Protein backbone atom coordinates (compact mmCIF):
# COMPACT_ATOMS: atom_id res chain seq x y z
CA MET A 1 147.41 262.63 -88.05
CA LEU A 2 148.90 259.34 -86.97
CA THR A 3 145.23 258.04 -86.37
CA GLN A 4 144.79 259.95 -90.40
CA ASN A 5 148.33 258.03 -91.75
CA CYS A 6 146.95 254.53 -90.02
CA ALA A 7 143.30 255.29 -91.42
CA ALA A 8 144.14 255.65 -95.04
CA ALA A 9 146.40 252.68 -94.63
CA LEU A 10 143.81 250.41 -94.24
CA ALA A 11 141.32 251.80 -96.26
CA PRO A 12 139.46 248.71 -97.75
CA ASN A 13 140.48 249.45 -101.05
CA ARG A 14 144.11 249.13 -100.64
CA ILE A 15 143.94 246.11 -98.38
CA GLN A 16 141.51 244.79 -101.36
CA ARG A 17 144.76 245.86 -103.60
CA ALA A 18 147.52 244.20 -101.61
CA VAL A 19 145.44 241.03 -101.33
CA THR A 20 145.47 240.95 -104.77
CA LYS A 21 148.65 241.46 -105.76
CA ALA A 22 150.03 239.25 -103.36
CA SER A 23 147.72 236.40 -104.43
CA VAL A 24 148.38 237.11 -108.25
CA VAL A 25 152.31 236.56 -107.09
CA LYS A 26 151.32 233.25 -105.09
CA SER A 27 149.51 232.08 -108.88
CA ASP A 28 152.24 233.23 -111.05
CA GLU A 29 154.99 230.89 -108.73
CA GLU A 30 152.61 227.60 -108.96
CA ASP A 31 151.89 228.00 -112.47
CA ARG A 32 155.60 227.80 -112.86
CA SER A 33 156.16 224.97 -110.83
CA ARG A 34 154.27 223.06 -113.52
CA ASN A 35 156.00 224.11 -116.32
CA LEU A 36 158.90 222.98 -119.03
CA ILE A 37 161.03 224.91 -121.24
CA VAL A 38 162.12 223.34 -123.80
CA PHE A 39 165.09 225.02 -125.71
CA GLY A 40 167.03 223.83 -128.93
CA LEU A 41 163.98 222.26 -130.06
CA PRO A 42 163.57 222.98 -134.34
CA GLU A 43 160.84 225.15 -135.74
CA GLU A 44 157.71 223.26 -137.10
CA PRO A 45 157.63 223.22 -140.54
CA ALA A 46 154.26 224.69 -142.47
CA GLY A 47 151.32 222.80 -141.14
CA VAL A 48 152.92 220.77 -138.13
CA THR A 49 151.52 222.69 -134.74
CA VAL A 50 154.12 223.01 -131.51
CA ASP A 51 151.85 220.56 -129.55
CA THR A 52 152.92 217.71 -132.49
CA THR A 53 156.83 218.42 -131.85
CA VAL A 54 156.77 218.29 -128.41
CA ALA A 55 154.95 215.18 -128.81
CA SER A 56 157.10 213.26 -130.58
CA LEU A 57 159.86 214.55 -128.22
CA LEU A 58 158.15 213.15 -125.51
CA GLU A 59 158.37 209.58 -126.80
CA GLU A 60 161.55 209.60 -127.58
CA ILE A 61 161.61 210.02 -123.69
CA ASP A 62 159.40 207.56 -123.41
CA GLU A 63 156.67 209.78 -121.75
CA LYS A 64 153.46 210.64 -122.37
CA PRO A 65 152.32 212.93 -119.73
CA PRO A 66 148.98 214.94 -120.19
CA MET A 67 149.97 218.80 -120.94
CA ASP A 68 147.73 221.28 -120.73
CA ASN A 69 149.36 224.19 -122.97
CA CYS A 70 152.28 224.46 -125.57
CA LEU A 71 153.62 227.44 -126.72
CA ARG A 72 156.90 228.58 -128.77
CA LEU A 73 158.22 231.98 -126.93
CA GLY A 74 159.23 235.07 -128.05
CA THR A 75 158.74 236.48 -132.12
CA ALA A 76 159.97 234.13 -134.77
CA SER A 77 163.23 235.38 -136.40
CA GLU A 78 165.28 234.04 -139.52
CA GLY A 79 168.60 231.84 -138.49
CA LYS A 80 167.08 231.31 -134.31
CA VAL A 81 165.25 228.43 -132.34
CA ARG A 82 162.86 229.79 -130.22
CA PRO A 83 162.19 228.20 -126.89
CA VAL A 84 158.93 226.17 -126.21
CA LYS A 85 156.89 226.41 -122.84
CA VAL A 86 154.98 223.63 -122.09
CA SER A 87 152.22 223.12 -119.08
CA PHE A 88 151.27 220.05 -117.35
CA GLU A 89 148.70 219.03 -115.06
CA SER A 90 150.66 217.86 -112.54
CA ARG A 91 154.18 219.01 -110.84
CA ASP A 92 155.38 215.25 -110.59
CA SER A 93 154.92 214.75 -114.57
CA LEU A 94 157.24 217.57 -114.86
CA LEU A 95 159.81 216.33 -112.20
CA VAL A 96 159.56 212.59 -114.19
CA LEU A 97 160.41 214.61 -117.22
CA LEU A 98 163.44 215.98 -115.62
CA ARG A 99 165.13 213.18 -114.22
CA LYS A 100 164.64 211.62 -118.15
CA ALA A 101 166.19 214.38 -119.68
CA SER A 102 169.52 213.19 -119.71
CA VAL A 103 168.20 210.37 -122.36
CA LEU A 104 167.81 212.95 -125.54
CA ARG A 105 172.00 213.38 -125.54
CA ASN A 106 172.26 209.79 -126.93
CA SER A 107 169.24 210.84 -129.13
CA GLU A 108 169.74 211.20 -133.06
CA ASN A 109 166.70 213.70 -133.38
CA TYR A 110 167.81 215.82 -130.37
CA LYS A 111 170.97 216.06 -129.33
CA SER A 112 170.86 219.64 -128.89
CA VAL A 113 167.64 219.49 -127.29
CA TYR A 114 167.46 220.81 -123.53
CA LEU A 115 164.75 220.64 -120.60
CA LYS A 116 164.86 222.88 -118.08
CA PRO A 117 162.38 224.18 -115.48
CA ASP A 118 160.58 227.29 -115.23
CA LEU A 119 162.31 229.64 -113.32
CA SER A 120 161.81 233.57 -112.40
CA TYR A 121 163.85 236.21 -113.34
CA GLU A 122 165.56 236.49 -109.71
CA GLU A 123 165.67 232.62 -109.53
CA ARG A 124 167.71 232.47 -112.89
CA VAL A 125 169.91 235.56 -111.88
CA GLU A 126 170.61 233.14 -108.25
CA ARG A 127 171.23 230.33 -110.28
CA ARG A 128 173.75 231.95 -113.05
CA LYS A 129 175.52 233.00 -109.98
CA ALA A 130 175.84 229.90 -108.04
CA VAL A 131 176.92 227.93 -111.73
CA LYS A 132 179.77 230.86 -111.71
CA THR A 133 180.71 230.35 -108.43
CA LEU A 134 180.74 226.23 -108.77
CA ASN A 135 183.00 227.00 -112.57
CA GLU A 136 185.15 228.93 -110.13
CA LEU A 137 185.36 226.59 -107.58
CA ARG A 138 186.19 224.11 -110.17
CA GLN A 139 188.96 225.86 -111.99
CA ALA A 140 190.50 226.19 -108.22
CA HIS A 141 190.85 222.61 -107.07
CA PRO A 142 190.64 220.43 -109.99
CA GLU A 143 191.38 217.75 -107.66
CA ARG A 144 188.04 217.88 -105.81
CA LYS A 145 184.82 217.51 -107.21
CA TYR A 146 181.94 220.01 -106.82
CA ALA A 147 178.28 219.71 -107.71
CA LEU A 148 175.08 222.22 -107.76
CA ARG A 149 172.05 220.84 -105.84
CA LYS A 150 168.82 222.51 -105.05
CA GLY A 151 170.88 225.74 -105.01
CA VAL A 152 173.89 224.98 -103.34
CA ILE A 153 177.42 223.89 -104.10
CA GLU A 154 178.45 220.48 -102.74
CA SER A 155 182.08 218.81 -102.22
CA ILE A 156 181.44 215.47 -103.41
């Protein structure tokens, strides 16, 4: 009976499905590493593409990285601004933009626009917990300074 269970577990089609599933998960992670999510970017008027709007945003930061893809997430509804997902050719382009994202705070046109890396659901939940803990530490110890770096809370 044990040999039958082992034989069923090692059947070629089961192995193939497991390999395919693992490679799909890995490719999803790789794709996310080159994606940027833009929050607060106003919806485009008729005749203007998302690519054009994002290009003007990036010009404000003095960067023109090559983009693979650019699209709005979700369905359009009155009074709501949908986030924009931008895919770049390289992760380096994404990292440069994230470092320069604070320039937008001083911009006249893009004060309420925020750039964030594309995170999976699990990563977002983990980050949310870390931010909550960080805020609790800041309230409990206002005399100390804390920062969240690479998912770890550090005392500065």
